[in-house]
N, C-alpha and C. Protein backbone atom coordinates (compact mmCIF):
# COMPACT_ATOMS: atom_id res chain seq x y z
N UNK A 1 -9.14 -8.41 30.59
CA UNK A 1 -7.90 -7.78 30.32
C UNK A 1 -8.15 -6.49 31.08
N UNK A 2 -6.85 -6.24 32.10
CA UNK A 2 -7.11 -5.21 33.18
C UNK A 2 -6.79 -3.44 32.30
N UNK A 3 -5.99 -3.89 31.13
CA UNK A 3 -6.26 -2.50 30.75
C UNK A 3 -7.03 -2.18 29.41
N UNK A 4 -7.56 -2.95 29.21
CA UNK A 4 -8.75 -2.80 28.33
C UNK A 4 -9.70 -1.85 28.31
N UNK A 5 -9.60 -0.86 27.43
CA UNK A 5 -10.66 0.27 27.37
C UNK A 5 -12.27 0.09 27.04
N UNK A 6 -12.14 -1.09 26.14
CA UNK A 6 -13.61 -1.47 25.48
C UNK A 6 -13.80 -3.04 25.53
N UNK A 7 -14.95 -3.58 25.35
CA UNK A 7 -14.99 -4.78 24.66
C UNK A 7 -15.16 -4.65 23.08
N UNK A 8 -14.36 -5.64 22.45
CA UNK A 8 -14.79 -5.43 20.98
C UNK A 8 -15.83 -6.97 20.71
N UNK A 9 -16.84 -6.76 20.14
CA UNK A 9 -17.50 -7.70 19.87
C UNK A 9 -17.42 -8.28 18.37
N UNK A 10 -16.17 -9.12 18.09
CA UNK A 10 -15.74 -9.23 16.58
C UNK A 10 -14.58 -9.97 16.94
N UNK A 11 -14.31 -11.10 16.28
CA UNK A 11 -13.11 -11.99 16.10
C UNK A 11 -12.34 -11.71 14.70
N UNK A 12 -12.71 -10.65 14.25
CA UNK A 12 -11.84 -10.18 12.96
C UNK A 12 -10.42 -9.63 13.50
N UNK A 13 -9.64 -10.16 12.84
CA UNK A 13 -8.18 -9.52 13.38
C UNK A 13 -7.94 -8.65 12.73
N UNK A 14 -8.85 -7.98 11.85
CA UNK A 14 -8.51 -6.70 11.25
C UNK A 14 -9.15 -5.62 12.02
N UNK A 15 -10.26 -5.72 12.50
CA UNK A 15 -10.56 -4.77 13.36
C UNK A 15 -9.56 -4.75 14.76
N UNK A 16 -9.41 -5.67 15.11
CA UNK A 16 -8.13 -5.80 16.21
C UNK A 16 -6.84 -4.89 16.10
N UNK A 17 -6.65 -5.26 14.27
CA UNK A 17 -5.35 -4.66 14.31
C UNK A 17 -5.57 -3.07 14.14
N UNK A 18 -6.87 -2.78 13.67
CA UNK A 18 -7.11 -1.21 13.63
C UNK A 18 -7.28 -0.32 14.79
N UNK A 19 -7.73 -1.32 16.04
CA UNK A 19 -7.75 -0.75 17.11
C UNK A 19 -6.63 -0.30 17.94
N UNK A 20 -5.64 -1.52 17.57
CA UNK A 20 -4.60 -1.25 17.95
C UNK A 20 -3.68 -0.18 17.56
N UNK A 21 -4.03 -0.01 16.28
CA UNK A 21 -3.47 1.36 15.36
C UNK A 21 -3.49 2.39 16.33
N UNK A 22 -4.81 2.59 16.78
CA UNK A 22 -5.02 4.16 17.61
C UNK A 22 -5.13 3.72 19.14
N UNK A 23 -4.32 2.39 19.59
CA UNK A 23 -3.79 2.66 20.74
C UNK A 23 -4.77 1.95 21.71
N UNK A 24 -6.06 1.37 21.32
CA UNK A 24 -6.97 1.23 22.00
C UNK A 24 -6.84 -0.18 22.44
N UNK A 25 -6.31 -0.59 23.69
CA UNK A 25 -6.77 -2.10 24.36
C UNK A 25 -7.99 -2.48 24.36
N UNK A 26 -8.32 -3.82 23.92
CA UNK A 26 -9.77 -4.31 24.13
C UNK A 26 -9.52 -5.84 24.54
N UNK A 27 -11.09 -6.21 24.67
CA UNK A 27 -11.08 -7.38 25.18
C UNK A 27 -12.19 -7.91 24.27
N UNK A 28 -12.03 -9.19 23.83
CA UNK A 28 -12.97 -9.51 22.56
C UNK A 28 -13.93 -10.58 23.21
N UNK A 29 -15.23 -10.50 22.62
CA UNK A 29 -16.23 -11.25 22.84
C UNK A 29 -16.86 -11.47 21.67
N UNK A 30 -17.51 -12.63 21.51
CA UNK A 30 -18.05 -13.35 20.42
C UNK A 30 -19.87 -13.08 20.74
N UNK A 31 -20.30 -12.82 19.27
CA UNK A 31 -21.79 -12.73 19.31
C UNK A 31 -22.02 -13.45 18.19
N UNK A 32 -23.13 -14.56 18.47
CA UNK A 32 -23.67 -15.11 17.19
C UNK A 32 -25.17 -14.56 16.88
N UNK A 33 -25.19 -14.04 15.85
CA UNK A 33 -26.42 -13.60 15.31
C UNK A 33 -26.88 -13.90 14.05
N UNK A 34 -28.17 -13.72 13.70
CA UNK A 34 -28.49 -13.76 12.35
C UNK A 34 -28.15 -12.89 11.51
N UNK A 35 -27.59 -12.89 10.49
CA UNK A 35 -26.68 -11.80 9.65
C UNK A 35 -27.71 -11.45 8.22
N UNK A 36 -28.96 -12.20 8.13
CA UNK A 36 -29.77 -12.19 6.95
C UNK A 36 -30.43 -10.83 6.95
N UNK A 37 -30.15 -10.28 5.54
CA UNK A 37 -30.84 -8.95 5.47
C UNK A 37 -32.36 -9.13 5.36
N UNK A 38 -33.12 -8.19 5.99
CA UNK A 38 -34.59 -8.19 5.65
C UNK A 38 -35.27 -7.90 4.46
N UNK A 39 -36.36 -8.38 4.11
CA UNK A 39 -36.76 -8.04 2.71
C UNK A 39 -36.96 -6.49 2.39
N UNK A 40 -36.20 -6.16 1.40
CA UNK A 40 -36.20 -4.85 0.95
C UNK A 40 -35.41 -3.85 1.86
N UNK A 41 -34.66 -4.39 2.89
CA UNK A 41 -33.75 -3.32 3.73
C UNK A 41 -32.42 -2.82 2.91
N UNK A 42 -32.53 -1.48 2.81
CA UNK A 42 -31.29 -0.91 2.41
C UNK A 42 -30.14 -1.20 3.20
N UNK A 43 -28.95 -1.15 2.38
CA UNK A 43 -27.56 -1.59 2.97
C UNK A 43 -27.33 -0.45 4.08
N UNK A 44 -27.66 0.69 4.33
CA UNK A 44 -27.11 1.54 5.35
C UNK A 44 -27.86 1.25 6.52
N UNK A 45 -29.30 0.90 6.36
CA UNK A 45 -30.14 0.36 7.39
C UNK A 45 -29.50 -0.97 8.08
N UNK A 46 -29.20 -1.94 7.03
CA UNK A 46 -28.64 -3.24 7.23
C UNK A 46 -27.39 -3.15 8.16
N UNK A 47 -26.39 -2.20 7.88
CA UNK A 47 -25.06 -2.46 8.26
C UNK A 47 -25.46 -2.03 9.85
N UNK A 48 -26.19 -0.78 9.85
CA UNK A 48 -26.23 -0.17 11.16
C UNK A 48 -26.92 -1.00 12.16
N UNK A 49 -28.13 -1.78 11.71
CA UNK A 49 -28.61 -2.70 12.40
C UNK A 49 -27.88 -3.71 12.93
N UNK A 50 -26.81 -4.45 11.97
CA UNK A 50 -26.00 -5.48 12.48
C UNK A 50 -25.08 -5.18 13.64
N UNK A 51 -24.73 -3.99 13.43
CA UNK A 51 -23.72 -3.45 14.29
C UNK A 51 -24.02 -3.35 15.60
N UNK A 52 -25.48 -2.80 15.97
CA UNK A 52 -26.05 -2.60 17.03
C UNK A 52 -26.36 -4.23 17.75
N UNK A 53 -26.75 -4.72 16.59
CA UNK A 53 -27.30 -6.38 17.09
C UNK A 53 -26.09 -7.03 17.83
N UNK A 54 -25.06 -6.87 16.93
CA UNK A 54 -23.96 -7.53 17.69
C UNK A 54 -23.50 -7.03 19.12
N UNK A 55 -23.53 -5.85 19.24
CA UNK A 55 -23.25 -4.79 20.11
C UNK A 55 -24.14 -5.65 21.69
N UNK A 56 -25.20 -5.76 20.99
CA UNK A 56 -26.34 -5.95 22.01
C UNK A 56 -26.26 -7.28 22.33
N UNK A 57 -25.94 -8.34 21.42
CA UNK A 57 -25.55 -9.74 21.98
C UNK A 57 -24.37 -9.72 22.48
N UNK A 58 -23.55 -8.95 22.59
CA UNK A 58 -22.44 -8.98 23.26
C UNK A 58 -22.61 -8.57 24.57
N UNK A 59 -23.23 -7.47 24.70
CA UNK A 59 -23.81 -7.00 26.16
C UNK A 59 -24.67 -8.12 26.90
N UNK A 60 -25.36 -8.89 25.92
CA UNK A 60 -26.42 -9.73 26.75
C UNK A 60 -25.50 -11.06 27.42
N UNK A 61 -24.09 -11.00 26.99
CA UNK A 61 -23.37 -12.28 27.21
C UNK A 61 -22.66 -12.01 28.72
N UNK A 62 -22.91 -10.66 29.19
CA UNK A 62 -22.15 -10.12 30.08
C UNK A 62 -23.08 -10.36 31.17
N UNK A 63 -22.59 -10.75 32.55
CA UNK A 63 -23.30 -10.45 33.81
C UNK A 63 -23.13 -9.00 34.48
N UNK A 64 -21.77 -8.58 34.30
CA UNK A 64 -21.52 -7.12 34.63
C UNK A 64 -21.02 -6.43 33.42
N UNK A 65 -21.65 -4.90 33.12
CA UNK A 65 -21.25 -4.40 32.22
C UNK A 65 -20.11 -3.34 32.69
N UNK A 66 -18.86 -3.51 32.79
CA UNK A 66 -17.93 -2.83 33.16
C UNK A 66 -17.12 -1.84 32.27
N UNK A 67 -17.41 -2.18 30.85
CA UNK A 67 -17.01 -1.02 30.07
C UNK A 67 -17.79 -1.07 28.63
N UNK A 68 -17.55 -0.07 27.83
CA UNK A 68 -18.46 0.00 26.64
C UNK A 68 -18.14 -1.22 25.69
N UNK A 69 -19.23 -1.58 24.85
CA UNK A 69 -18.74 -2.61 23.76
C UNK A 69 -19.08 -2.21 22.45
N UNK A 70 -17.89 -2.41 21.81
CA UNK A 70 -18.05 -1.86 20.49
C UNK A 70 -18.13 -2.92 19.33
N UNK A 71 -18.84 -2.73 18.10
CA UNK A 71 -19.25 -3.81 17.28
C UNK A 71 -19.25 -2.91 16.02
N UNK A 72 -19.16 -3.72 14.76
CA UNK A 72 -19.13 -2.86 13.63
C UNK A 72 -19.54 -3.91 12.42
N UNK A 73 -19.98 -3.47 11.27
CA UNK A 73 -20.50 -4.25 10.34
C UNK A 73 -20.18 -3.77 9.12
N UNK A 74 -19.76 -4.44 7.81
CA UNK A 74 -19.07 -3.85 6.58
C UNK A 74 -20.03 -4.64 5.28
N UNK A 75 -20.36 -3.74 4.38
CA UNK A 75 -20.99 -4.41 3.49
C UNK A 75 -20.42 -3.66 2.20
N UNK A 76 -20.09 -4.55 0.99
CA UNK A 76 -20.15 -4.40 -0.35
C UNK A 76 -21.31 -3.99 -0.93
N UNK A 77 -21.64 -2.94 -1.79
CA UNK A 77 -22.82 -2.82 -2.54
C UNK A 77 -22.72 -2.27 -3.79
N UNK A 78 -23.21 -3.06 -4.83
CA UNK A 78 -23.11 -3.03 -6.21
C UNK A 78 -24.35 -3.29 -6.49
N UNK A 79 -25.03 -2.40 -7.56
CA UNK A 79 -26.13 -2.30 -8.03
C UNK A 79 -27.43 -2.50 -6.87
N UNK A 80 -27.27 -1.32 -6.07
CA UNK A 80 -27.99 -1.65 -4.55
C UNK A 80 -28.14 -2.93 -4.14
N UNK A 81 -27.24 -3.93 -4.35
CA UNK A 81 -27.38 -5.40 -3.64
C UNK A 81 -26.19 -5.66 -2.84
N UNK A 82 -26.34 -6.19 -1.62
CA UNK A 82 -25.48 -6.33 -0.81
C UNK A 82 -24.77 -7.43 -0.94
N UNK A 83 -23.39 -7.32 -1.13
CA UNK A 83 -22.62 -8.77 -1.45
C UNK A 83 -21.86 -9.09 0.04
N UNK A 84 -22.41 -10.33 0.04
CA UNK A 84 -21.71 -10.73 1.57
C UNK A 84 -20.20 -11.59 1.21
N UNK A 85 -19.61 -12.38 2.39
CA UNK A 85 -18.80 -13.48 1.81
C UNK A 85 -19.10 -14.49 0.91
N UNK A 86 -18.17 -14.79 -0.03
CA UNK A 86 -18.79 -15.59 -1.01
C UNK A 86 -18.64 -16.99 -0.27
N UNK A 87 -19.71 -17.82 -1.18
CA UNK A 87 -20.10 -19.33 -0.84
C UNK A 87 -18.77 -19.85 -1.11
N UNK A 88 -18.33 -19.86 -2.26
CA UNK A 88 -17.42 -20.73 -2.64
C UNK A 88 -16.72 -19.81 -3.83
N UNK A 89 -15.90 -20.68 -4.65
CA UNK A 89 -15.39 -19.98 -5.58
C UNK A 89 -16.04 -19.39 -6.73
N UNK A 90 -17.03 -20.44 -6.98
CA UNK A 90 -17.90 -19.65 -8.24
C UNK A 90 -18.52 -18.40 -7.76
N UNK A 91 -18.80 -18.34 -6.49
CA UNK A 91 -19.46 -17.01 -6.21
C UNK A 91 -18.54 -15.93 -6.05
N UNK A 92 -17.56 -16.20 -5.81
CA UNK A 92 -16.33 -15.15 -5.29
C UNK A 92 -15.98 -14.49 -6.73
N UNK A 93 -16.09 -15.73 -7.72
CA UNK A 93 -15.92 -15.35 -9.15
C UNK A 93 -16.88 -14.25 -9.52
N UNK A 94 -18.01 -14.44 -9.74
CA UNK A 94 -19.17 -13.72 -10.07
C UNK A 94 -19.01 -12.44 -9.29
N UNK A 95 -18.77 -12.24 -8.08
CA UNK A 95 -18.59 -11.33 -7.25
C UNK A 95 -17.67 -10.10 -8.01
N UNK A 96 -16.61 -10.82 -8.02
CA UNK A 96 -15.44 -9.71 -8.56
C UNK A 96 -15.67 -9.69 -9.98
N UNK A 97 -16.18 -10.43 -10.86
CA UNK A 97 -16.73 -9.84 -12.12
C UNK A 97 -17.62 -8.92 -12.33
N UNK A 98 -18.08 -8.87 -11.33
CA UNK A 98 -19.28 -7.78 -11.13
C UNK A 98 -19.08 -6.17 -10.74
N UNK A 99 -17.64 -6.63 -10.04
CA UNK A 99 -17.04 -5.30 -9.39
C UNK A 99 -16.02 -4.61 -10.53
N UNK A 100 -15.32 -5.64 -11.42
CA UNK A 100 -14.33 -5.29 -12.35
C UNK A 100 -14.60 -4.18 -13.13
N UNK A 101 -14.44 -3.14 -13.38
CA UNK A 101 -14.02 -1.88 -14.26
C UNK A 101 -15.35 -1.09 -14.02
N UNK A 102 -15.70 -0.93 -12.64
CA UNK A 102 -16.56 -0.18 -12.19
C UNK A 102 -16.40 0.38 -10.59
N UNK A 103 -17.33 1.26 -10.03
CA UNK A 103 -17.25 1.80 -8.78
C UNK A 103 -18.28 1.09 -8.07
N UNK A 104 -18.29 0.71 -6.58
CA UNK A 104 -18.95 0.28 -6.03
C UNK A 104 -18.94 1.18 -4.51
N UNK A 105 -20.11 0.75 -3.81
CA UNK A 105 -19.79 1.27 -2.27
C UNK A 105 -19.65 0.46 -1.64
N UNK A 106 -18.90 0.71 -0.25
CA UNK A 106 -18.54 0.14 1.00
C UNK A 106 -19.01 0.89 1.84
N UNK A 107 -20.10 0.11 2.96
CA UNK A 107 -20.76 0.84 3.72
C UNK A 107 -20.26 0.16 5.02
N UNK A 108 -19.78 0.68 5.87
CA UNK A 108 -19.40 0.25 7.43
C UNK A 108 -20.29 0.97 8.47
N UNK A 109 -20.85 0.39 9.38
CA UNK A 109 -21.38 0.99 10.54
C UNK A 109 -20.53 0.53 11.96
N UNK A 110 -20.61 1.42 12.78
CA UNK A 110 -19.93 1.02 14.33
C UNK A 110 -20.77 1.25 15.13
N UNK A 111 -20.79 0.92 16.08
CA UNK A 111 -21.81 0.83 17.35
C UNK A 111 -21.00 0.99 18.90
N UNK A 112 -21.48 1.44 19.35
CA UNK A 112 -21.08 1.49 20.98
C UNK A 112 -21.98 1.63 21.85
N UNK A 113 -22.17 0.42 22.56
CA UNK A 113 -23.26 0.48 23.66
C UNK A 113 -22.77 0.69 25.10
N UNK A 114 -23.66 0.59 26.14
CA UNK A 114 -23.19 0.25 27.46
C UNK A 114 -24.58 -0.17 28.00
N UNK A 115 -24.69 -0.21 29.43
CA UNK A 115 -26.06 -0.87 30.08
C UNK A 115 -27.11 0.00 29.69
N UNK A 116 -26.85 1.37 29.11
CA UNK A 116 -27.96 2.50 29.21
C UNK A 116 -28.28 3.20 27.86
N UNK A 117 -26.99 3.12 27.13
CA UNK A 117 -26.77 4.01 25.75
C UNK A 117 -26.14 3.35 24.93
N UNK A 118 -26.83 3.69 23.59
CA UNK A 118 -26.51 2.95 22.14
C UNK A 118 -26.16 4.16 21.29
N UNK A 119 -25.19 4.02 20.73
CA UNK A 119 -25.12 5.12 19.66
C UNK A 119 -24.06 4.48 18.58
N UNK A 120 -24.41 5.03 17.15
CA UNK A 120 -23.69 4.31 15.99
C UNK A 120 -23.18 5.66 14.97
N UNK A 121 -22.50 5.14 14.07
CA UNK A 121 -22.17 6.14 13.00
C UNK A 121 -21.91 5.20 11.88
N UNK A 122 -22.16 5.82 10.98
CA UNK A 122 -21.88 4.84 9.35
C UNK A 122 -20.98 5.68 8.63
N UNK A 123 -20.27 5.01 7.77
CA UNK A 123 -19.08 5.39 6.83
C UNK A 123 -19.34 4.83 5.47
N UNK A 124 -19.49 5.65 4.47
CA UNK A 124 -19.60 4.94 3.15
C UNK A 124 -18.58 5.81 2.27
N UNK A 125 -18.04 4.61 1.76
CA UNK A 125 -16.70 5.07 0.70
C UNK A 125 -17.22 4.39 -0.70
N UNK A 126 -16.55 5.04 -1.61
CA UNK A 126 -16.59 4.78 -3.11
C UNK A 126 -15.44 4.02 -3.72
N UNK A 127 -15.62 2.83 -3.99
CA UNK A 127 -13.88 2.08 -4.65
C UNK A 127 -14.35 1.85 -6.27
N UNK A 128 -13.42 2.47 -6.60
CA UNK A 128 -13.56 2.20 -8.17
C UNK A 128 -12.38 0.89 -8.47
N UNK A 129 -12.83 -0.29 -9.00
CA UNK A 129 -12.09 -0.90 -9.60
C UNK A 129 -11.48 -1.10 -11.14
N UNK A 130 -10.43 -1.20 -11.37
CA UNK A 130 -9.86 -1.86 -12.85
C UNK A 130 -10.56 -2.71 -13.01
N UNK A 131 -10.24 -2.98 -14.54
CA UNK A 131 -10.78 -4.18 -15.36
C UNK A 131 -9.75 -5.43 -14.80
N UNK A 132 -10.46 -6.43 -14.66
CA UNK A 132 -9.93 -7.53 -14.15
C UNK A 132 -10.28 -8.69 -14.96
N UNK A 133 -9.22 -9.83 -15.29
CA UNK A 133 -9.59 -10.79 -16.43
C UNK A 133 -9.82 -11.93 -15.38
N UNK A 134 -10.30 -13.18 -15.93
CA UNK A 134 -11.15 -14.24 -15.49
C UNK A 134 -9.73 -14.93 -14.82
N UNK A 135 -8.67 -14.66 -15.48
CA UNK A 135 -7.26 -15.33 -14.76
C UNK A 135 -6.94 -14.98 -13.75
N UNK A 136 -6.92 -13.76 -13.51
CA UNK A 136 -6.70 -12.90 -12.39
C UNK A 136 -7.35 -13.25 -11.13
N UNK A 137 -8.54 -13.26 -11.26
CA UNK A 137 -9.75 -13.39 -10.63
C UNK A 137 -9.51 -14.90 -10.09
N UNK A 138 -9.16 -15.99 -11.00
CA UNK A 138 -9.23 -17.27 -10.41
C UNK A 138 -7.78 -17.49 -9.55
N UNK A 139 -7.13 -16.83 -9.79
CA UNK A 139 -5.46 -16.86 -9.12
C UNK A 139 -5.81 -16.20 -7.82
N UNK A 140 -6.48 -15.17 -7.80
CA UNK A 140 -6.84 -14.29 -6.68
C UNK A 140 -7.73 -15.34 -5.51
N UNK A 141 -8.40 -15.98 -6.31
CA UNK A 141 -9.18 -16.87 -5.08
C UNK A 141 -8.24 -17.64 -4.61
N UNK A 142 -7.43 -18.53 -5.41
CA UNK A 142 -6.54 -19.51 -5.03
C UNK A 142 -5.58 -19.01 -3.81
N UNK A 143 -5.58 -17.83 -3.87
CA UNK A 143 -4.38 -16.94 -2.74
C UNK A 143 -5.44 -17.49 -1.63
N UNK A 144 -6.45 -17.36 -1.33
CA UNK A 144 -7.15 -17.50 0.06
C UNK A 144 -7.66 -16.42 0.32
N UNK A 145 -7.28 -15.22 0.20
CA UNK A 145 -7.58 -14.18 0.47
C UNK A 145 -9.42 -13.73 0.63
N UNK A 146 -9.81 -14.20 -0.32
CA UNK A 146 -11.40 -13.62 -0.72
C UNK A 146 -12.31 -14.16 0.26
N UNK A 147 -11.96 -15.77 0.67
CA UNK A 147 -12.92 -16.56 1.07
C UNK A 147 -13.70 -15.80 2.30
N UNK A 148 -13.16 -15.33 2.99
CA UNK A 148 -13.88 -14.46 4.41
C UNK A 148 -13.99 -13.12 4.31
N UNK A 149 -14.01 -12.24 2.99
CA UNK A 149 -14.10 -11.28 2.69
C UNK A 149 -15.57 -10.58 1.87
N UNK A 150 -16.00 -9.78 2.64
CA UNK A 150 -17.41 -9.22 2.04
C UNK A 150 -17.26 -8.77 0.73
N UNK A 151 -17.78 -9.14 -0.75
CA UNK A 151 -17.51 -8.87 -1.58
C UNK A 151 -16.43 -9.36 -2.40
N UNK A 152 -15.70 -10.26 -1.68
CA UNK A 152 -14.63 -11.52 -2.21
C UNK A 152 -13.51 -10.89 -2.44
N UNK A 153 -13.26 -9.37 -1.55
CA UNK A 153 -11.59 -8.90 -1.72
C UNK A 153 -11.42 -8.39 -0.19
N UNK A 154 -9.73 -8.01 -0.18
CA UNK A 154 -9.64 -7.41 1.04
C UNK A 154 -8.63 -6.25 0.64
N UNK A 155 -9.00 -5.08 0.92
CA UNK A 155 -8.13 -3.96 0.63
C UNK A 155 -6.75 -4.09 1.35
N UNK A 156 -6.62 -4.42 2.52
CA UNK A 156 -5.40 -4.56 3.34
C UNK A 156 -4.46 -5.69 2.50
N UNK A 157 -4.89 -6.55 1.52
CA UNK A 157 -3.90 -7.51 1.00
C UNK A 157 -3.54 -7.36 -0.44
N UNK A 158 -3.83 -8.40 -1.24
CA UNK A 158 -3.46 -8.43 -2.46
C UNK A 158 -4.52 -7.53 -3.25
N UNK A 159 -5.93 -7.88 -2.83
CA UNK A 159 -7.06 -6.98 -3.55
C UNK A 159 -7.01 -5.64 -3.94
N UNK A 160 -6.09 -4.88 -2.83
CA UNK A 160 -5.57 -3.75 -3.11
C UNK A 160 -5.10 -3.49 -4.50
N UNK A 161 -4.60 -4.39 -5.02
CA UNK A 161 -4.27 -4.38 -6.63
C UNK A 161 -5.39 -4.14 -7.89
N UNK A 162 -6.23 -4.38 -7.12
CA UNK A 162 -7.41 -4.03 -8.01
C UNK A 162 -7.95 -2.61 -8.09
N UNK A 163 -7.87 -1.85 -7.12
CA UNK A 163 -8.64 -0.60 -6.80
C UNK A 163 -7.65 0.38 -7.43
N UNK A 164 -8.32 1.17 -8.13
CA UNK A 164 -7.92 2.28 -9.14
C UNK A 164 -8.02 3.60 -8.04
N UNK A 165 -9.08 3.47 -7.34
CA UNK A 165 -9.37 4.98 -6.51
C UNK A 165 -10.00 4.29 -5.63
N UNK A 166 -10.01 5.24 -4.50
CA UNK A 166 -10.75 5.02 -3.30
C UNK A 166 -11.37 6.60 -2.90
N UNK A 167 -12.39 6.79 -2.39
CA UNK A 167 -13.07 8.05 -2.05
C UNK A 167 -13.64 7.64 -0.97
N UNK A 168 -13.04 7.89 0.46
CA UNK A 168 -13.85 7.77 1.44
C UNK A 168 -12.94 7.24 2.65
N UNK A 169 -13.04 5.94 3.30
CA UNK A 169 -12.48 5.85 4.63
C UNK A 169 -11.70 4.35 4.24
N UNK A 170 -10.27 4.33 4.37
CA UNK A 170 -9.39 3.29 3.77
C UNK A 170 -9.77 2.01 5.15
N UNK A 171 -9.86 2.68 6.36
CA UNK A 171 -10.16 2.00 7.54
C UNK A 171 -11.78 1.28 7.29
N UNK A 172 -12.61 2.11 6.97
CA UNK A 172 -13.97 1.67 6.78
C UNK A 172 -13.72 0.46 6.01
N UNK A 173 -13.34 0.41 4.44
CA UNK A 173 -13.23 -0.45 3.68
C UNK A 173 -12.84 -1.65 4.46
N UNK A 174 -11.84 -1.50 4.97
CA UNK A 174 -11.14 -2.57 6.15
C UNK A 174 -11.88 -3.52 7.15
N UNK A 175 -12.86 -2.61 7.15
CA UNK A 175 -14.06 -3.24 8.33
C UNK A 175 -14.11 -2.26 9.72
N UNK A 176 -13.53 -1.44 10.01
CA UNK A 176 -13.59 -0.53 10.90
C UNK A 176 -13.20 0.77 10.84
N UNK A 177 -14.29 1.43 10.46
CA UNK A 177 -13.80 3.22 10.16
C UNK A 177 -13.36 3.84 11.49
N UNK A 178 -11.97 4.10 11.67
CA UNK A 178 -11.48 4.86 12.68
C UNK A 178 -12.04 6.00 13.16
N UNK A 179 -12.31 6.87 12.21
CA UNK A 179 -12.79 8.57 12.43
C UNK A 179 -14.14 8.23 13.31
N UNK A 180 -14.96 7.59 12.64
CA UNK A 180 -16.19 7.20 13.54
C UNK A 180 -15.97 6.41 14.70
N UNK A 181 -15.20 5.58 14.69
CA UNK A 181 -14.85 4.64 16.09
C UNK A 181 -14.39 5.76 17.06
N UNK A 182 -13.52 6.56 16.85
CA UNK A 182 -12.91 7.73 17.79
C UNK A 182 -14.09 8.73 17.98
N UNK A 183 -14.95 8.89 17.20
CA UNK A 183 -15.78 10.06 17.29
C UNK A 183 -16.87 9.37 18.62
N UNK A 184 -17.28 8.16 18.38
CA UNK A 184 -18.20 7.30 19.30
C UNK A 184 -17.66 7.38 20.85
N UNK A 185 -16.08 6.97 20.44
CA UNK A 185 -15.55 7.06 22.08
C UNK A 185 -15.41 8.38 22.49
N UNK A 186 -15.21 9.35 22.08
CA UNK A 186 -15.43 10.57 22.85
C UNK A 186 -16.85 10.83 22.85
N UNK A 187 -18.11 10.45 22.56
CA UNK A 187 -19.22 10.72 23.01
C UNK A 187 -19.44 9.86 24.44
N UNK A 188 -18.64 8.88 24.65
CA UNK A 188 -18.68 7.97 25.73
C UNK A 188 -17.57 8.43 26.88
N UNK A 189 -16.83 9.48 26.57
CA UNK A 189 -16.04 10.14 27.47
C UNK A 189 -14.72 9.36 27.24
N UNK A 190 -14.06 8.43 26.64
CA UNK A 190 -13.19 7.78 26.25
C UNK A 190 -11.72 8.25 25.46
N UNK A 191 -10.83 8.66 26.09
CA UNK A 191 -9.71 9.44 25.77
C UNK A 191 -8.86 8.15 24.82
N UNK A 192 -8.52 8.62 23.73
CA UNK A 192 -7.54 7.82 22.90
C UNK A 192 -6.16 7.93 23.65
N UNK A 193 -5.55 6.75 23.95
CA UNK A 193 -4.29 6.60 24.41
C UNK A 193 -3.26 7.83 24.05
N UNK A 194 -3.43 7.55 22.52
CA UNK A 194 -2.42 8.28 21.66
C UNK A 194 -2.38 9.72 21.77
N UNK A 195 -3.59 10.23 22.49
CA UNK A 195 -3.73 11.83 22.47
C UNK A 195 -3.95 12.48 24.14
N UNK A 196 -3.61 11.31 25.07
CA UNK A 196 -3.50 11.46 26.14
C UNK A 196 -2.27 12.47 26.69
N UNK A 197 -2.79 13.37 27.66
CA UNK A 197 -1.63 14.06 28.19
C UNK A 197 -0.57 13.66 28.73
N UNK A 198 -0.94 12.39 29.15
CA UNK A 198 0.15 11.71 29.72
C UNK A 198 0.86 10.96 28.91
N UNK A 199 0.67 11.18 27.61
CA UNK A 199 1.49 10.27 26.51
C UNK A 199 3.04 11.15 26.23
N UNK A 200 3.92 10.34 26.52
CA UNK A 200 5.33 11.00 26.33
C UNK A 200 5.98 10.85 25.03
N UNK A 201 7.16 11.49 24.57
CA UNK A 201 7.42 11.24 23.34
C UNK A 201 8.73 10.26 23.44
């Protein structure tokens, strides 16, 4: 893509939407890595490792590194346990029952790499859910929204109805913390188009 500023190592439509929100044209790469947490690995280290490994895998797939590669990873954490994407309806319902009526953490890491440099940043948000009954949980599963979401919910969809309070980054909970992403791009000397001196009203 001629005007792309970066490669995005992700197939997530949500991450693409967030990059377009800040005017960043990008080219998508796919990276297949093992996303199994190591024994005893804390969530902050896990998501950072995943973001870096995705970016490295994307870099390894290119014969020429002509622009930086961006990757991210997000985990929902409750009782110090990482909740991934639900395996099935029972798993999704169990996750949402654990989150109901309490506060959990959403930890997102974003990494930017080129042929020589690797940098990453971390975003930690606290999300408080209202009480949710089993009927609501089952209806939410039937909507199809939870199936591919860490922790079994999406803040950008109907799952927002469960969130009583958010302390942190909305975009981080969505999957790509934009404050940290913009900071990494500045570190690489990449100016966001929206703030360019050539931008006209």
